[in-house]
Amino acid sequence: MWYTALVLLVGVERLAELVVARRNERWSLARGGVVSGQGHYPWMVALHTGLLAGCLVEVAVAGRPFLPWLGWPMLALVVAAQGLRWWCIATLGRQWNTRVIVVPGLPLVTGGPYRWLRHPNYLAVAVEGAALPLVHTAWVTALVFTLLNAVLMVVRIRCEEAALRLAAT
């Protein structure tokens, strides 16, 4: 029961992200923001929705147990990933979005976690995508998400890098 609550809580967190993203999207577009990568966005939404559903379905259907030696460290990673994600959101401010939107003329953000990593939000996504299912031993969901996310991140990061290069010219 508590695992279902955890997954639903992550779902609520994702909805909060979408609220922030919509607000930031309106702000960016009002300032001439350019949207890129529309083709991969629905796949990203489907993958993240599938992660949450997969966590619940695999645990229920396959009877995956909670193993404390695995579950507690994975829960700590989920919490850490959420902290990193919201640090990224706070650092980027109005420039953060779930879509690729670049406002021409704005400087590249190099503070916060961007001081050390070019795409720290994607590290948070990767960690959460592996750890959340493993909190309750849903290893198939963790594996499938990790593999599909790796493919999607190649596309997404290339898209972001191209959009940032274009904006810099």
N, C-alpha and C. Protein backbone atom coordinates (compact mmCIF):
# COMPACT_ATOMS: atom_id res chain seq x y z
N MET A 1 0.83 -1.20 0.00
CA MET A 1 0.00 0.00 0.00
C MET A 1 0.88 1.27 0.00
N TRP A 2 1.93 1.26 0.80
CA TRP A 2 2.79 2.46 0.86
C TRP A 2 3.52 2.67 -0.45
N TYR A 3 3.84 1.58 -1.17
CA TYR A 3 4.53 1.72 -2.46
C TYR A 3 3.60 2.37 -3.48
N THR A 4 2.35 2.00 -3.47
CA THR A 4 1.37 2.64 -4.35
C THR A 4 1.30 4.12 -4.04
N ALA A 5 1.29 4.47 -2.77
CA ALA A 5 1.27 5.88 -2.38
C ALA A 5 2.52 6.59 -2.87
N LEU A 6 3.68 5.94 -2.78
CA LEU A 6 4.92 6.54 -3.27
C LEU A 6 4.85 6.81 -4.77
N VAL A 7 4.41 5.83 -5.53
CA VAL A 7 4.31 6.00 -6.98
C VAL A 7 3.31 7.10 -7.33
N LEU A 8 2.19 7.12 -6.63
CA LEU A 8 1.21 8.18 -6.87
C LEU A 8 1.76 9.56 -6.49
N LEU A 9 2.55 9.60 -5.44
CA LEU A 9 3.19 10.85 -5.04
C LEU A 9 4.15 11.34 -6.12
N VAL A 10 4.91 10.43 -6.71
CA VAL A 10 5.78 10.80 -7.83
C VAL A 10 4.93 11.30 -8.99
N GLY A 11 3.79 10.67 -9.22
CA GLY A 11 2.87 11.14 -10.26
C GLY A 11 2.38 12.55 -10.00
N VAL A 12 2.05 12.85 -8.76
CA VAL A 12 1.63 14.20 -8.38
C VAL A 12 2.78 15.19 -8.60
N GLU A 13 3.99 14.76 -8.27
CA GLU A 13 5.16 15.60 -8.50
C GLU A 13 5.29 15.91 -9.98
N ARG A 14 5.06 14.92 -10.83
CA ARG A 14 5.14 15.13 -12.28
C ARG A 14 4.08 16.13 -12.75
N LEU A 15 2.89 16.05 -12.16
CA LEU A 15 1.85 17.02 -12.51
C LEU A 15 2.27 18.43 -12.08
N ALA A 16 2.92 18.55 -10.94
CA ALA A 16 3.43 19.86 -10.50
C ALA A 16 4.46 20.37 -11.50
N GLU A 17 5.32 19.48 -12.00
CA GLU A 17 6.29 19.87 -13.03
C GLU A 17 5.59 20.42 -14.26
N LEU A 18 4.50 19.77 -14.66
CA LEU A 18 3.78 20.23 -15.85
C LEU A 18 3.16 21.60 -15.64
N VAL A 19 2.71 21.87 -14.44
CA VAL A 19 2.18 23.21 -14.13
C VAL A 19 3.28 24.26 -14.28
N VAL A 20 4.45 23.97 -13.71
CA VAL A 20 5.59 24.87 -13.82
C VAL A 20 6.00 25.01 -15.29
N ALA A 21 6.03 23.90 -16.01
CA ALA A 21 6.44 23.93 -17.42
C ALA A 21 5.48 24.77 -18.26
N ARG A 22 4.20 24.64 -18.04
CA ARG A 22 3.22 25.43 -18.81
C ARG A 22 3.40 26.92 -18.54
N ARG A 23 3.59 27.26 -17.29
CA ARG A 23 3.82 28.67 -16.94
C ARG A 23 5.09 29.18 -17.62
N ASN A 24 6.14 28.39 -17.55
CA ASN A 24 7.41 28.79 -18.17
C ASN A 24 7.30 28.82 -19.70
N GLU A 25 6.52 27.92 -20.26
CA GLU A 25 6.32 27.92 -21.71
C GLU A 25 5.66 29.22 -22.16
N ARG A 26 4.63 29.64 -21.47
CA ARG A 26 3.97 30.92 -21.82
C ARG A 26 4.95 32.07 -21.71
N TRP A 27 5.76 32.10 -20.66
CA TRP A 27 6.76 33.15 -20.47
C TRP A 27 7.77 33.14 -21.61
N SER A 28 8.28 31.96 -21.96
CA SER A 28 9.29 31.83 -23.01
C SER A 28 8.73 32.23 -24.38
N LEU A 29 7.55 31.75 -24.71
CA LEU A 29 6.97 32.06 -26.01
C LEU A 29 6.66 33.55 -26.14
N ALA A 30 6.27 34.18 -25.04
CA ALA A 30 6.02 35.63 -25.06
C ALA A 30 7.29 36.42 -25.33
N ARG A 31 8.44 35.81 -25.12
CA ARG A 31 9.73 36.47 -25.33
C ARG A 31 10.46 35.94 -26.56
N GLY A 32 9.69 35.33 -27.46
CA GLY A 32 10.27 34.85 -28.71
C GLY A 32 10.88 33.48 -28.64
N GLY A 33 10.55 32.71 -27.62
CA GLY A 33 11.10 31.37 -27.48
C GLY A 33 10.82 30.50 -28.69
N VAL A 34 11.79 29.68 -29.03
CA VAL A 34 11.68 28.78 -30.17
C VAL A 34 11.57 27.35 -29.65
N VAL A 35 10.51 26.65 -30.08
CA VAL A 35 10.26 25.28 -29.64
C VAL A 35 10.91 24.32 -30.63
N SER A 36 11.62 23.34 -30.12
CA SER A 36 12.27 22.30 -30.94
C SER A 36 11.87 20.93 -30.41
N GLY A 37 12.05 19.92 -31.25
CA GLY A 37 11.90 18.55 -30.79
C GLY A 37 10.50 18.11 -30.48
N GLN A 38 9.52 18.62 -31.20
CA GLN A 38 8.13 18.24 -30.93
C GLN A 38 7.89 16.75 -31.18
N GLY A 39 8.65 16.15 -32.09
CA GLY A 39 8.42 14.76 -32.46
C GLY A 39 8.70 13.76 -31.35
N HIS A 40 9.70 14.04 -30.52
CA HIS A 40 10.03 13.07 -29.46
C HIS A 40 9.24 13.30 -28.18
N TYR A 41 8.61 14.45 -28.04
CA TYR A 41 7.94 14.78 -26.78
C TYR A 41 6.83 13.79 -26.41
N PRO A 42 5.95 13.41 -27.35
CA PRO A 42 4.91 12.43 -26.96
C PRO A 42 5.51 11.09 -26.50
N TRP A 43 6.63 10.70 -27.06
CA TRP A 43 7.29 9.47 -26.62
C TRP A 43 7.82 9.61 -25.20
N MET A 44 8.30 10.81 -24.89
CA MET A 44 8.80 11.06 -23.54
C MET A 44 7.64 10.99 -22.52
N VAL A 45 6.52 11.58 -22.87
CA VAL A 45 5.34 11.53 -21.99
C VAL A 45 4.90 10.09 -21.80
N ALA A 46 4.85 9.33 -22.89
CA ALA A 46 4.43 7.93 -22.81
C ALA A 46 5.39 7.11 -21.95
N LEU A 47 6.68 7.34 -22.11
CA LEU A 47 7.67 6.60 -21.34
C LEU A 47 7.54 6.88 -19.85
N HIS A 48 7.38 8.14 -19.50
CA HIS A 48 7.29 8.49 -18.08
C HIS A 48 5.97 8.02 -17.46
N THR A 49 4.90 8.06 -18.23
CA THR A 49 3.63 7.51 -17.76
C THR A 49 3.74 6.00 -17.60
N GLY A 50 4.41 5.37 -18.58
CA GLY A 50 4.62 3.93 -18.51
C GLY A 50 5.46 3.51 -17.32
N LEU A 51 6.41 4.34 -16.94
CA LEU A 51 7.22 4.05 -15.76
C LEU A 51 6.33 3.91 -14.53
N LEU A 52 5.47 4.89 -14.32
CA LEU A 52 4.61 4.87 -13.13
C LEU A 52 3.65 3.69 -13.17
N ALA A 53 3.03 3.48 -14.34
CA ALA A 53 2.11 2.35 -14.48
C ALA A 53 2.85 1.02 -14.31
N GLY A 54 4.01 0.92 -14.93
CA GLY A 54 4.79 -0.31 -14.85
C GLY A 54 5.17 -0.67 -13.43
N CYS A 55 5.53 0.35 -12.65
CA CYS A 55 5.86 0.10 -11.23
C CYS A 55 4.71 -0.58 -10.52
N LEU A 56 3.51 -0.05 -10.71
CA LEU A 56 2.34 -0.59 -10.00
C LEU A 56 1.93 -1.95 -10.55
N VAL A 57 1.92 -2.07 -11.88
CA VAL A 57 1.45 -3.32 -12.50
C VAL A 57 2.41 -4.47 -12.21
N GLU A 58 3.71 -4.23 -12.37
CA GLU A 58 4.66 -5.31 -12.15
C GLU A 58 4.62 -5.82 -10.71
N VAL A 59 4.55 -4.91 -9.76
CA VAL A 59 4.50 -5.33 -8.35
C VAL A 59 3.23 -6.15 -8.09
N ALA A 60 2.10 -5.69 -8.64
CA ALA A 60 0.83 -6.38 -8.40
C ALA A 60 0.75 -7.72 -9.14
N VAL A 61 1.10 -7.72 -10.42
CA VAL A 61 0.93 -8.92 -11.24
C VAL A 61 2.00 -9.96 -10.96
N ALA A 62 3.25 -9.53 -10.84
CA ALA A 62 4.34 -10.48 -10.62
C ALA A 62 4.60 -10.76 -9.15
N GLY A 63 3.88 -10.07 -8.27
CA GLY A 63 4.05 -10.31 -6.84
C GLY A 63 5.43 -9.97 -6.33
N ARG A 64 5.99 -8.89 -6.85
CA ARG A 64 7.35 -8.50 -6.45
C ARG A 64 7.37 -8.12 -4.96
N PRO A 65 8.32 -8.65 -4.21
CA PRO A 65 8.38 -8.35 -2.78
C PRO A 65 9.17 -7.07 -2.51
N PHE A 66 8.95 -6.53 -1.34
CA PHE A 66 9.82 -5.45 -0.85
C PHE A 66 10.99 -6.13 -0.15
N LEU A 67 12.19 -5.86 -0.64
CA LEU A 67 13.40 -6.38 -0.02
C LEU A 67 14.12 -5.21 0.63
N PRO A 68 14.15 -5.14 1.95
CA PRO A 68 14.72 -3.97 2.62
C PRO A 68 16.14 -3.62 2.17
N TRP A 69 16.99 -4.61 1.94
CA TRP A 69 18.38 -4.34 1.55
C TRP A 69 18.45 -3.62 0.20
N LEU A 70 17.43 -3.79 -0.65
CA LEU A 70 17.36 -3.11 -1.94
C LEU A 70 16.44 -1.90 -1.88
N GLY A 71 15.30 -2.08 -1.26
CA GLY A 71 14.26 -1.06 -1.25
C GLY A 71 14.64 0.24 -0.58
N TRP A 72 15.26 0.15 0.59
CA TRP A 72 15.60 1.39 1.30
C TRP A 72 16.66 2.22 0.58
N PRO A 73 17.75 1.62 0.08
CA PRO A 73 18.70 2.43 -0.69
C PRO A 73 18.09 3.02 -1.97
N MET A 74 17.20 2.26 -2.61
CA MET A 74 16.54 2.78 -3.82
C MET A 74 15.61 3.94 -3.49
N LEU A 75 14.94 3.85 -2.35
CA LEU A 75 14.09 4.95 -1.91
C LEU A 75 14.93 6.20 -1.67
N ALA A 76 16.10 6.02 -1.08
CA ALA A 76 17.00 7.17 -0.87
C ALA A 76 17.42 7.77 -2.21
N LEU A 77 17.65 6.94 -3.21
CA LEU A 77 18.01 7.45 -4.55
C LEU A 77 16.83 8.19 -5.19
N VAL A 78 15.62 7.69 -4.99
CA VAL A 78 14.44 8.38 -5.52
C VAL A 78 14.32 9.77 -4.91
N VAL A 79 14.50 9.85 -3.61
CA VAL A 79 14.43 11.14 -2.92
C VAL A 79 15.55 12.07 -3.41
N ALA A 80 16.75 11.53 -3.56
CA ALA A 80 17.88 12.33 -4.06
C ALA A 80 17.62 12.82 -5.49
N ALA A 81 17.04 11.96 -6.31
CA ALA A 81 16.73 12.35 -7.69
C ALA A 81 15.70 13.49 -7.71
N GLN A 82 14.71 13.41 -6.82
CA GLN A 82 13.73 14.50 -6.75
C GLN A 82 14.40 15.80 -6.33
N GLY A 83 15.31 15.70 -5.37
CA GLY A 83 16.03 16.89 -4.93
C GLY A 83 16.84 17.50 -6.07
N LEU A 84 17.55 16.65 -6.82
CA LEU A 84 18.33 17.14 -7.95
C LEU A 84 17.43 17.75 -9.01
N ARG A 85 16.31 17.11 -9.30
CA ARG A 85 15.37 17.64 -10.31
C ARG A 85 14.89 19.04 -9.92
N TRP A 86 14.49 19.21 -8.67
CA TRP A 86 13.96 20.52 -8.26
C TRP A 86 15.08 21.55 -8.11
N TRP A 87 16.29 21.12 -7.86
CA TRP A 87 17.43 22.03 -7.88
C TRP A 87 17.64 22.54 -9.31
N CYS A 88 17.51 21.64 -10.27
CA CYS A 88 17.61 22.04 -11.69
C CYS A 88 16.51 23.03 -12.04
N ILE A 89 15.29 22.73 -11.64
CA ILE A 89 14.16 23.61 -11.94
C ILE A 89 14.37 24.98 -11.32
N ALA A 90 14.81 25.01 -10.07
CA ALA A 90 15.05 26.29 -9.39
C ALA A 90 16.19 27.05 -10.04
N THR A 91 17.25 26.35 -10.45
CA THR A 91 18.40 27.00 -11.05
C THR A 91 18.05 27.60 -12.41
N LEU A 92 17.31 26.85 -13.22
CA LEU A 92 16.94 27.36 -14.55
C LEU A 92 15.82 28.39 -14.49
N GLY A 93 15.06 28.37 -13.41
CA GLY A 93 13.98 29.35 -13.26
C GLY A 93 13.00 29.25 -14.43
N ARG A 94 12.68 30.37 -15.01
CA ARG A 94 11.69 30.40 -16.10
C ARG A 94 12.18 29.73 -17.38
N GLN A 95 13.46 29.43 -17.44
CA GLN A 95 13.99 28.75 -18.63
C GLN A 95 13.80 27.24 -18.57
N TRP A 96 13.39 26.70 -17.42
CA TRP A 96 13.18 25.25 -17.31
C TRP A 96 11.88 24.88 -17.99
N ASN A 97 11.87 23.75 -18.67
CA ASN A 97 10.65 23.27 -19.30
C ASN A 97 10.76 21.80 -19.59
N THR A 98 9.62 21.14 -19.74
CA THR A 98 9.61 19.75 -20.17
C THR A 98 9.78 19.66 -21.68
N ARG A 99 9.52 20.75 -22.37
CA ARG A 99 9.75 20.83 -23.82
C ARG A 99 11.08 21.53 -24.04
N VAL A 100 11.59 21.44 -25.26
CA VAL A 100 12.81 22.15 -25.61
C VAL A 100 12.39 23.51 -26.16
N ILE A 101 12.57 24.54 -25.33
CA ILE A 101 12.23 25.91 -25.73
C ILE A 101 13.42 26.79 -25.36
N VAL A 102 13.95 27.47 -26.36
CA VAL A 102 15.10 28.34 -26.13
C VAL A 102 14.68 29.77 -26.46
N VAL A 103 14.91 30.67 -25.52
CA VAL A 103 14.64 32.09 -25.74
C VAL A 103 15.93 32.72 -26.24
N PRO A 104 15.92 33.22 -27.48
CA PRO A 104 17.15 33.83 -28.03
C PRO A 104 17.63 34.98 -27.15
N GLY A 105 18.94 35.03 -26.99
CA GLY A 105 19.55 36.12 -26.25
C GLY A 105 19.76 35.86 -24.77
N LEU A 106 19.12 34.84 -24.23
CA LEU A 106 19.34 34.53 -22.82
C LEU A 106 20.64 33.75 -22.68
N PRO A 107 21.42 34.04 -21.65
CA PRO A 107 22.69 33.33 -21.48
C PRO A 107 22.46 31.89 -21.04
N LEU A 108 23.42 31.04 -21.36
CA LEU A 108 23.40 29.65 -20.92
C LEU A 108 23.58 29.62 -19.40
N VAL A 109 22.75 28.87 -18.73
CA VAL A 109 22.84 28.76 -17.27
C VAL A 109 24.02 27.86 -16.91
N THR A 110 24.88 28.38 -16.04
CA THR A 110 26.07 27.61 -15.64
C THR A 110 26.20 27.50 -14.12
N GLY A 111 25.15 27.86 -13.40
CA GLY A 111 25.18 27.78 -11.95
C GLY A 111 24.52 26.52 -11.44
N GLY A 112 24.40 26.41 -10.13
CA GLY A 112 23.75 25.26 -9.52
C GLY A 112 24.38 23.96 -9.99
N PRO A 113 23.56 22.95 -10.27
CA PRO A 113 24.13 21.67 -10.72
C PRO A 113 24.73 21.75 -12.13
N TYR A 114 24.40 22.81 -12.86
CA TYR A 114 24.94 22.99 -14.21
C TYR A 114 26.41 23.39 -14.17
N ARG A 115 26.89 23.72 -12.99
CA ARG A 115 28.31 23.98 -12.78
C ARG A 115 29.14 22.73 -13.06
N TRP A 116 28.57 21.57 -12.75
CA TRP A 116 29.30 20.31 -12.85
C TRP A 116 28.84 19.41 -14.00
N LEU A 117 27.57 19.52 -14.36
CA LEU A 117 27.01 18.65 -15.39
C LEU A 117 26.27 19.48 -16.43
N ARG A 118 26.36 19.09 -17.67
CA ARG A 118 25.68 19.81 -18.75
C ARG A 118 24.16 19.57 -18.69
N HIS A 119 23.75 18.35 -18.34
CA HIS A 119 22.32 18.00 -18.30
C HIS A 119 21.97 17.26 -17.00
N PRO A 120 22.06 17.92 -15.86
CA PRO A 120 21.82 17.22 -14.59
C PRO A 120 20.40 16.71 -14.42
N ASN A 121 19.43 17.36 -15.05
CA ASN A 121 18.05 16.90 -14.93
C ASN A 121 17.90 15.49 -15.49
N TYR A 122 18.66 15.18 -16.54
CA TYR A 122 18.56 13.85 -17.13
C TYR A 122 19.23 12.80 -16.27
N LEU A 123 20.19 13.19 -15.49
CA LEU A 123 20.74 12.28 -14.50
C LEU A 123 19.66 11.95 -13.46
N ALA A 124 18.93 12.96 -13.03
CA ALA A 124 17.84 12.75 -12.07
C ALA A 124 16.79 11.80 -12.65
N VAL A 125 16.45 12.00 -13.91
CA VAL A 125 15.46 11.13 -14.57
C VAL A 125 15.97 9.70 -14.63
N ALA A 126 17.22 9.52 -15.02
CA ALA A 126 17.78 8.17 -15.14
C ALA A 126 17.82 7.46 -13.79
N VAL A 127 18.24 8.18 -12.75
CA VAL A 127 18.32 7.58 -11.42
C VAL A 127 16.92 7.22 -10.92
N GLU A 128 16.00 8.15 -11.06
CA GLU A 128 14.64 7.88 -10.61
C GLU A 128 14.02 6.72 -11.38
N GLY A 129 14.24 6.69 -12.69
CA GLY A 129 13.64 5.64 -13.52
C GLY A 129 14.14 4.25 -13.19
N ALA A 130 15.36 4.15 -12.71
CA ALA A 130 15.87 2.85 -12.28
C ALA A 130 15.49 2.56 -10.83
N ALA A 131 15.59 3.57 -9.97
CA ALA A 131 15.40 3.36 -8.53
C ALA A 131 13.94 3.19 -8.12
N LEU A 132 13.03 3.97 -8.70
CA LEU A 132 11.63 3.89 -8.27
C LEU A 132 11.06 2.47 -8.41
N PRO A 133 11.25 1.81 -9.54
CA PRO A 133 10.75 0.43 -9.62
C PRO A 133 11.47 -0.51 -8.65
N LEU A 134 12.77 -0.29 -8.47
CA LEU A 134 13.54 -1.20 -7.62
C LEU A 134 13.25 -1.03 -6.14
N VAL A 135 12.57 0.05 -5.76
CA VAL A 135 12.13 0.18 -4.36
C VAL A 135 11.32 -1.06 -3.98
N HIS A 136 10.56 -1.57 -4.94
CA HIS A 136 9.73 -2.75 -4.66
C HIS A 136 10.06 -3.89 -5.62
N THR A 137 11.32 -3.98 -6.02
CA THR A 137 11.87 -5.08 -6.81
C THR A 137 11.24 -5.25 -8.19
N ALA A 138 10.70 -4.18 -8.77
CA ALA A 138 10.12 -4.25 -10.12
C ALA A 138 11.24 -4.10 -11.14
N TRP A 139 12.06 -5.13 -11.25
CA TRP A 139 13.27 -5.06 -12.06
C TRP A 139 13.00 -5.00 -13.55
N VAL A 140 11.91 -5.60 -14.02
CA VAL A 140 11.59 -5.53 -15.45
C VAL A 140 11.27 -4.09 -15.84
N THR A 141 10.48 -3.41 -15.04
CA THR A 141 10.15 -2.01 -15.30
C THR A 141 11.41 -1.16 -15.26
N ALA A 142 12.27 -1.40 -14.29
CA ALA A 142 13.52 -0.63 -14.20
C ALA A 142 14.37 -0.84 -15.44
N LEU A 143 14.48 -2.06 -15.89
CA LEU A 143 15.31 -2.38 -17.06
C LEU A 143 14.72 -1.79 -18.34
N VAL A 144 13.44 -1.99 -18.55
CA VAL A 144 12.79 -1.47 -19.77
C VAL A 144 12.86 0.05 -19.80
N PHE A 145 12.54 0.70 -18.67
CA PHE A 145 12.62 2.16 -18.65
C PHE A 145 14.03 2.63 -18.93
N THR A 146 15.01 2.02 -18.29
CA THR A 146 16.40 2.44 -18.45
C THR A 146 16.84 2.34 -19.90
N LEU A 147 16.52 1.23 -20.55
CA LEU A 147 16.92 1.05 -21.95
C LEU A 147 16.21 2.05 -22.87
N LEU A 148 14.90 2.18 -22.73
CA LEU A 148 14.15 3.11 -23.58
C LEU A 148 14.53 4.56 -23.29
N ASN A 149 14.78 4.87 -22.03
CA ASN A 149 15.17 6.22 -21.66
C ASN A 149 16.54 6.57 -22.25
N ALA A 150 17.44 5.62 -22.28
CA ALA A 150 18.77 5.87 -22.86
C ALA A 150 18.64 6.25 -24.33
N VAL A 151 17.80 5.54 -25.06
CA VAL A 151 17.58 5.86 -26.48
C VAL A 151 16.95 7.25 -26.61
N LEU A 152 15.94 7.50 -25.80
CA LEU A 152 15.25 8.80 -25.85
C LEU A 152 16.18 9.95 -25.45
N MET A 153 17.04 9.73 -24.48
CA MET A 153 17.95 10.79 -24.05
C MET A 153 18.97 11.15 -25.13
N VAL A 154 19.37 10.19 -25.93
CA VAL A 154 20.26 10.51 -27.05
C VAL A 154 19.56 11.49 -27.98
N VAL A 155 18.32 11.21 -28.30
CA VAL A 155 17.53 12.10 -29.17
C VAL A 155 17.32 13.45 -28.50
N ARG A 156 16.92 13.42 -27.26
CA ARG A 156 16.59 14.66 -26.53
C ARG A 156 17.81 15.56 -26.36
N ILE A 157 18.93 14.99 -25.95
CA ILE A 157 20.12 15.81 -25.72
C ILE A 157 20.64 16.38 -27.04
N ARG A 158 20.60 15.59 -28.10
CA ARG A 158 20.99 16.14 -29.41
C ARG A 158 20.08 17.30 -29.81
N CYS A 159 18.81 17.15 -29.56
CA CYS A 159 17.85 18.21 -29.88
C CYS A 159 18.15 19.47 -29.06
N GLU A 160 18.36 19.31 -27.77
CA GLU A 160 18.67 20.46 -26.91
C GLU A 160 19.96 21.15 -27.32
N GLU A 161 20.98 20.35 -27.58
CA GLU A 161 22.27 20.93 -27.96
C GLU A 161 22.15 21.70 -29.27
N ALA A 162 21.42 21.15 -30.24
CA ALA A 162 21.22 21.85 -31.51
C ALA A 162 20.45 23.15 -31.30
N ALA A 163 19.42 23.12 -30.47
CA ALA A 163 18.63 24.33 -30.20
C ALA A 163 19.47 25.38 -29.50
N LEU A 164 20.31 24.97 -28.56
CA LEU A 164 21.18 25.93 -27.86
C LEU A 164 22.22 26.51 -28.80
N ARG A 165 22.78 25.69 -29.68
CA ARG A 165 23.76 26.20 -30.67
C ARG A 165 23.11 27.21 -31.61
N LEU A 166 21.91 26.89 -32.06
CA LEU A 166 21.20 27.80 -32.97
C LEU A 166 20.91 29.13 -32.30
N ALA A 167 20.51 29.08 -31.03
CA ALA A 167 20.20 30.30 -30.30
C ALA A 167 21.46 31.15 -30.06
N ALA A 168 22.59 30.50 -29.97
CA ALA A 168 23.84 31.21 -29.69
C ALA A 168 24.39 31.93 -30.92
N THR A 169 23.89 31.59 -32.10
CA THR A 169 24.40 32.22 -33.33
C THR A 169 23.69 33.49 -33.67
